[in-house]
Amino acid sequence: MAKLKLGALVDDKPVKLTVELPGAVHRDLVAYAQALAGETGQAIGDPAKLIAPMVARFIASDRAFANARNVRKPSPAPAEADRGTS
C-alpha cells in the first residue's frame, strides 16, 4: 500500500468549529482513520480529528493560494548586514 499523505497527528491548541459532512465523506473519513491507524500504529478514536490536518495539508499544497498569499504580504526589510555592502 502507498504511504498516506497524513502522518501521526500533532497535539495543538484547537479552535472549535462545527461542520456538516455528507454521509459519503464521513464514511471515507472513517475509512481513512482506519487506514492511518494501520499504517502508523496510532489509533484514531475520533475520525473528526483528521479534518484539521487534512485541511492544512490541502492548503499547503494549493499553489494558487500560496501565490495569492505571497502577493498580499509585504516584502521583508533587508537585513542590517546587507545594507552596508554595495
N, C-alpha and C. Protein backbone atom coordinates (compact mmCIF):
# COMPACT_ATOMS: atom_id res chain seq x y z
N MET A 1 0.84 -1.18 0.00
CA MET A 1 0.00 0.00 0.00
C MET A 1 0.88 1.24 0.00
N ALA A 2 0.52 2.24 -0.78
CA ALA A 2 1.26 3.50 -0.82
C ALA A 2 1.09 4.23 0.50
N LYS A 3 2.09 5.05 0.85
CA LYS A 3 2.01 5.82 2.09
C LYS A 3 0.89 6.85 2.00
N LEU A 4 0.18 7.02 3.10
CA LEU A 4 -0.86 8.02 3.17
C LEU A 4 -0.24 9.40 3.28
N LYS A 5 -0.98 10.43 2.87
CA LYS A 5 -0.45 11.79 2.91
C LYS A 5 -0.33 12.33 4.33
N LEU A 6 -1.15 11.85 5.25
CA LEU A 6 -1.06 12.29 6.63
C LEU A 6 -0.18 11.35 7.42
N GLY A 7 0.51 11.91 8.38
CA GLY A 7 1.30 11.10 9.29
C GLY A 7 0.64 11.14 10.66
N ALA A 8 1.43 10.92 11.69
CA ALA A 8 0.91 10.97 13.05
C ALA A 8 0.38 12.37 13.35
N LEU A 9 -0.67 12.45 14.15
CA LEU A 9 -1.28 13.73 14.47
C LEU A 9 -0.50 14.43 15.58
N VAL A 10 -0.34 15.75 15.45
CA VAL A 10 0.31 16.54 16.49
C VAL A 10 -0.76 17.14 17.38
N ASP A 11 -0.39 17.37 18.62
CA ASP A 11 -1.32 17.96 19.57
C ASP A 11 -1.13 19.47 19.54
N ASP A 12 -2.20 20.21 19.23
CA ASP A 12 -2.14 21.66 19.12
C ASP A 12 -3.37 22.25 19.79
N LYS A 13 -3.31 23.52 20.18
CA LYS A 13 -4.46 24.16 20.81
C LYS A 13 -5.57 24.30 19.76
N PRO A 14 -6.71 23.67 19.99
CA PRO A 14 -7.77 23.68 18.98
C PRO A 14 -8.64 24.93 19.02
N VAL A 15 -9.27 25.19 17.89
CA VAL A 15 -10.32 26.19 17.76
C VAL A 15 -11.55 25.40 17.35
N LYS A 16 -12.63 25.54 18.08
CA LYS A 16 -13.82 24.72 17.83
C LYS A 16 -14.62 25.27 16.65
N LEU A 17 -14.93 24.39 15.70
CA LEU A 17 -15.78 24.69 14.56
C LEU A 17 -16.84 23.60 14.47
N THR A 18 -17.97 23.94 13.91
CA THR A 18 -19.00 22.94 13.66
C THR A 18 -19.18 22.85 12.15
N VAL A 19 -19.06 21.64 11.62
CA VAL A 19 -19.24 21.43 10.18
C VAL A 19 -20.19 20.26 9.95
N GLU A 20 -20.85 20.28 8.83
CA GLU A 20 -21.68 19.16 8.40
C GLU A 20 -21.03 18.53 7.19
N LEU A 21 -20.90 17.22 7.23
CA LEU A 21 -20.31 16.48 6.12
C LEU A 21 -21.35 15.59 5.49
N PRO A 22 -21.30 15.43 4.18
CA PRO A 22 -22.16 14.43 3.56
C PRO A 22 -21.79 13.05 4.09
N GLY A 23 -22.76 12.15 4.13
CA GLY A 23 -22.54 10.81 4.64
C GLY A 23 -21.38 10.10 3.97
N ALA A 24 -21.26 10.24 2.66
CA ALA A 24 -20.19 9.57 1.93
C ALA A 24 -18.82 10.09 2.37
N VAL A 25 -18.72 11.39 2.62
CA VAL A 25 -17.45 11.95 3.07
C VAL A 25 -17.12 11.44 4.47
N HIS A 26 -18.12 11.35 5.32
CA HIS A 26 -17.89 10.84 6.67
C HIS A 26 -17.43 9.38 6.62
N ARG A 27 -18.05 8.58 5.78
CA ARG A 27 -17.64 7.18 5.66
C ARG A 27 -16.20 7.09 5.18
N ASP A 28 -15.84 7.94 4.22
CA ASP A 28 -14.45 7.96 3.74
C ASP A 28 -13.50 8.41 4.85
N LEU A 29 -13.92 9.35 5.66
CA LEU A 29 -13.10 9.83 6.77
C LEU A 29 -12.85 8.71 7.78
N VAL A 30 -13.89 7.95 8.08
CA VAL A 30 -13.76 6.81 9.00
C VAL A 30 -12.81 5.77 8.39
N ALA A 31 -12.96 5.48 7.11
CA ALA A 31 -12.09 4.51 6.44
C ALA A 31 -10.65 5.00 6.43
N TYR A 32 -10.45 6.30 6.21
CA TYR A 32 -9.10 6.86 6.21
C TYR A 32 -8.49 6.73 7.60
N ALA A 33 -9.28 7.00 8.64
CA ALA A 33 -8.79 6.87 10.02
C ALA A 33 -8.34 5.44 10.29
N GLN A 34 -9.09 4.48 9.80
CA GLN A 34 -8.71 3.08 10.00
C GLN A 34 -7.42 2.76 9.26
N ALA A 35 -7.29 3.25 8.03
CA ALA A 35 -6.08 3.01 7.25
C ALA A 35 -4.88 3.68 7.90
N LEU A 36 -5.07 4.90 8.39
CA LEU A 36 -3.98 5.63 9.04
C LEU A 36 -3.56 4.93 10.33
N ALA A 37 -4.52 4.43 11.08
CA ALA A 37 -4.21 3.69 12.31
C ALA A 37 -3.39 2.44 11.98
N GLY A 38 -3.75 1.76 10.90
CA GLY A 38 -2.99 0.58 10.50
C GLY A 38 -1.58 0.92 10.06
N GLU A 39 -1.40 2.08 9.44
CA GLU A 39 -0.08 2.47 8.94
C GLU A 39 0.82 3.03 10.04
N THR A 40 0.25 3.83 10.95
CA THR A 40 1.06 4.50 11.96
C THR A 40 1.08 3.77 13.29
N GLY A 41 0.12 2.87 13.50
CA GLY A 41 0.00 2.20 14.79
C GLY A 41 -0.64 3.09 15.85
N GLN A 42 -1.11 4.26 15.44
CA GLN A 42 -1.75 5.22 16.34
C GLN A 42 -3.26 5.15 16.10
N ALA A 43 -3.99 4.62 17.09
CA ALA A 43 -5.44 4.51 16.94
C ALA A 43 -6.07 5.91 16.88
N ILE A 44 -7.01 6.09 15.98
CA ILE A 44 -7.72 7.35 15.85
C ILE A 44 -9.10 7.14 16.46
N GLY A 45 -9.29 7.64 17.69
CA GLY A 45 -10.55 7.45 18.38
C GLY A 45 -11.68 8.21 17.73
N ASP A 46 -11.39 9.41 17.24
CA ASP A 46 -12.42 10.26 16.63
C ASP A 46 -11.93 10.67 15.25
N PRO A 47 -12.52 10.15 14.18
CA PRO A 47 -12.07 10.50 12.83
C PRO A 47 -12.14 12.00 12.53
N ALA A 48 -12.96 12.75 13.28
CA ALA A 48 -13.04 14.19 13.07
C ALA A 48 -11.70 14.87 13.33
N LYS A 49 -10.83 14.22 14.13
CA LYS A 49 -9.50 14.79 14.40
C LYS A 49 -8.64 14.82 13.15
N LEU A 50 -9.03 14.10 12.12
CA LEU A 50 -8.27 14.11 10.86
C LEU A 50 -8.58 15.33 10.01
N ILE A 51 -9.71 15.98 10.25
CA ILE A 51 -10.14 17.07 9.39
C ILE A 51 -9.12 18.21 9.37
N ALA A 52 -8.65 18.64 10.54
CA ALA A 52 -7.71 19.76 10.59
C ALA A 52 -6.42 19.46 9.84
N PRO A 53 -5.75 18.30 10.07
CA PRO A 53 -4.53 18.06 9.30
C PRO A 53 -4.79 17.88 7.81
N MET A 54 -5.96 17.36 7.46
CA MET A 54 -6.29 17.22 6.03
C MET A 54 -6.46 18.59 5.38
N VAL A 55 -7.15 19.48 6.06
CA VAL A 55 -7.34 20.83 5.52
C VAL A 55 -5.99 21.54 5.45
N ALA A 56 -5.17 21.40 6.49
CA ALA A 56 -3.85 22.04 6.49
C ALA A 56 -3.00 21.52 5.33
N ARG A 57 -3.05 20.21 5.10
CA ARG A 57 -2.29 19.61 4.00
C ARG A 57 -2.79 20.12 2.64
N PHE A 58 -4.10 20.22 2.52
CA PHE A 58 -4.69 20.73 1.28
C PHE A 58 -4.24 22.18 1.03
N ILE A 59 -4.33 23.01 2.06
CA ILE A 59 -3.94 24.42 1.91
C ILE A 59 -2.46 24.53 1.57
N ALA A 60 -1.63 23.75 2.22
CA ALA A 60 -0.19 23.79 1.97
C ALA A 60 0.16 23.37 0.55
N SER A 61 -0.66 22.52 -0.05
CA SER A 61 -0.36 22.04 -1.40
C SER A 61 -1.03 22.85 -2.50
N ASP A 62 -1.81 23.87 -2.14
CA ASP A 62 -2.52 24.68 -3.13
C ASP A 62 -1.62 25.83 -3.58
N ARG A 63 -1.00 25.68 -4.73
CA ARG A 63 -0.05 26.68 -5.21
C ARG A 63 -0.71 28.03 -5.51
N ALA A 64 -1.92 28.01 -6.04
CA ALA A 64 -2.60 29.27 -6.34
C ALA A 64 -2.84 30.05 -5.06
N PHE A 65 -3.22 29.36 -3.98
CA PHE A 65 -3.42 30.03 -2.70
C PHE A 65 -2.10 30.58 -2.17
N ALA A 66 -1.04 29.79 -2.26
CA ALA A 66 0.27 30.24 -1.78
C ALA A 66 0.71 31.49 -2.54
N ASN A 67 0.51 31.50 -3.85
CA ASN A 67 0.88 32.67 -4.65
C ASN A 67 0.04 33.88 -4.26
N ALA A 68 -1.26 33.69 -4.07
CA ALA A 68 -2.13 34.79 -3.67
C ALA A 68 -1.73 35.31 -2.30
N ARG A 69 -1.39 34.41 -1.40
CA ARG A 69 -0.98 34.81 -0.04
C ARG A 69 0.33 35.61 -0.10
N ASN A 70 1.27 35.18 -0.95
CA ASN A 70 2.55 35.88 -1.07
C ASN A 70 2.40 37.26 -1.68
N VAL A 71 1.45 37.43 -2.57
CA VAL A 71 1.21 38.73 -3.20
C VAL A 71 0.74 39.73 -2.16
N ARG A 72 -0.06 39.29 -1.20
CA ARG A 72 -0.61 40.19 -0.18
C ARG A 72 0.41 40.55 0.88
N LYS A 73 1.44 39.74 1.09
CA LYS A 73 2.44 40.00 2.13
C LYS A 73 3.44 41.04 1.64
N PRO A 74 3.78 42.02 2.49
CA PRO A 74 4.83 42.96 2.09
C PRO A 74 6.19 42.26 2.12
N SER A 75 7.11 42.76 1.32
CA SER A 75 8.46 42.19 1.28
C SER A 75 9.16 42.47 2.60
N PRO A 76 9.94 41.51 3.09
CA PRO A 76 10.66 41.73 4.34
C PRO A 76 11.75 42.78 4.14
N ALA A 77 12.05 43.53 5.19
CA ALA A 77 13.11 44.53 5.14
C ALA A 77 14.45 43.84 4.99
N PRO A 78 15.38 44.45 4.26
CA PRO A 78 16.71 43.83 4.13
C PRO A 78 17.40 43.73 5.48
N ALA A 79 18.23 42.74 5.65
CA ALA A 79 18.97 42.55 6.90
C ALA A 79 20.00 43.66 7.04
N GLU A 80 20.35 43.98 8.27
CA GLU A 80 21.33 45.03 8.56
C GLU A 80 22.64 44.77 7.82
N ALA A 81 23.07 43.51 7.76
CA ALA A 81 24.33 43.17 7.11
C ALA A 81 24.30 43.50 5.63
N ASP A 82 23.14 43.40 5.00
CA ASP A 82 23.03 43.66 3.57
C ASP A 82 23.06 45.15 3.25
N ARG A 83 22.70 46.00 4.20
CA ARG A 83 22.60 47.44 3.94
C ARG A 83 23.96 48.10 3.73
N GLY A 84 24.98 47.61 4.42
CA GLY A 84 26.27 48.27 4.36
C GLY A 84 27.14 47.83 3.19
N THR A 85 26.73 46.85 2.44
CA THR A 85 27.56 46.35 1.34
C THR A 85 27.01 46.79 0.01
N SER A 86 27.81 47.54 -0.75
CA SER A 86 27.41 47.95 -2.10
C SER A 86 28.58 47.85 -3.02
